[in-house]
């Protein structure tokens, strides 16, 4: 449904973040979209373009929500290399733990908003962990 370039574009993530770092988050996000929306990958060919766009947006938002804490931790775990990494990935902004949790939740909320109304009654259930 979506790829790493879609996630980078939506989230304003730098191109230097490797596809391999984003793919597990994309796969998890797509599973959540199918579970919450009630659609399947097989439905994509028959869905209205507006519905498909909302499913793709939700998947991108969830993928970003999942990836941000990992990316932030990955870079901060290599703190001794940060000056060199920052030079290579100049667009990435580091956040403290509280900020990254808030930011991830905002992306998650945006994902659920994209799915709102796709199910009868317009209700999408959210699981908060």
Foldseek 3Di string as FASTA:
>chain_A
DDFPVLLCVVVVFDPPPDRVLQVVLLVVLLVVLCVQLVHDPVCVVVDDPLLNVLSSLLSSLSSCLVRQVVVLCVLVVVVVCNVVVCVVRVRDDHDPPVVSNVSSVVSNVSSLVSSQPSDPPRDTDDDDD
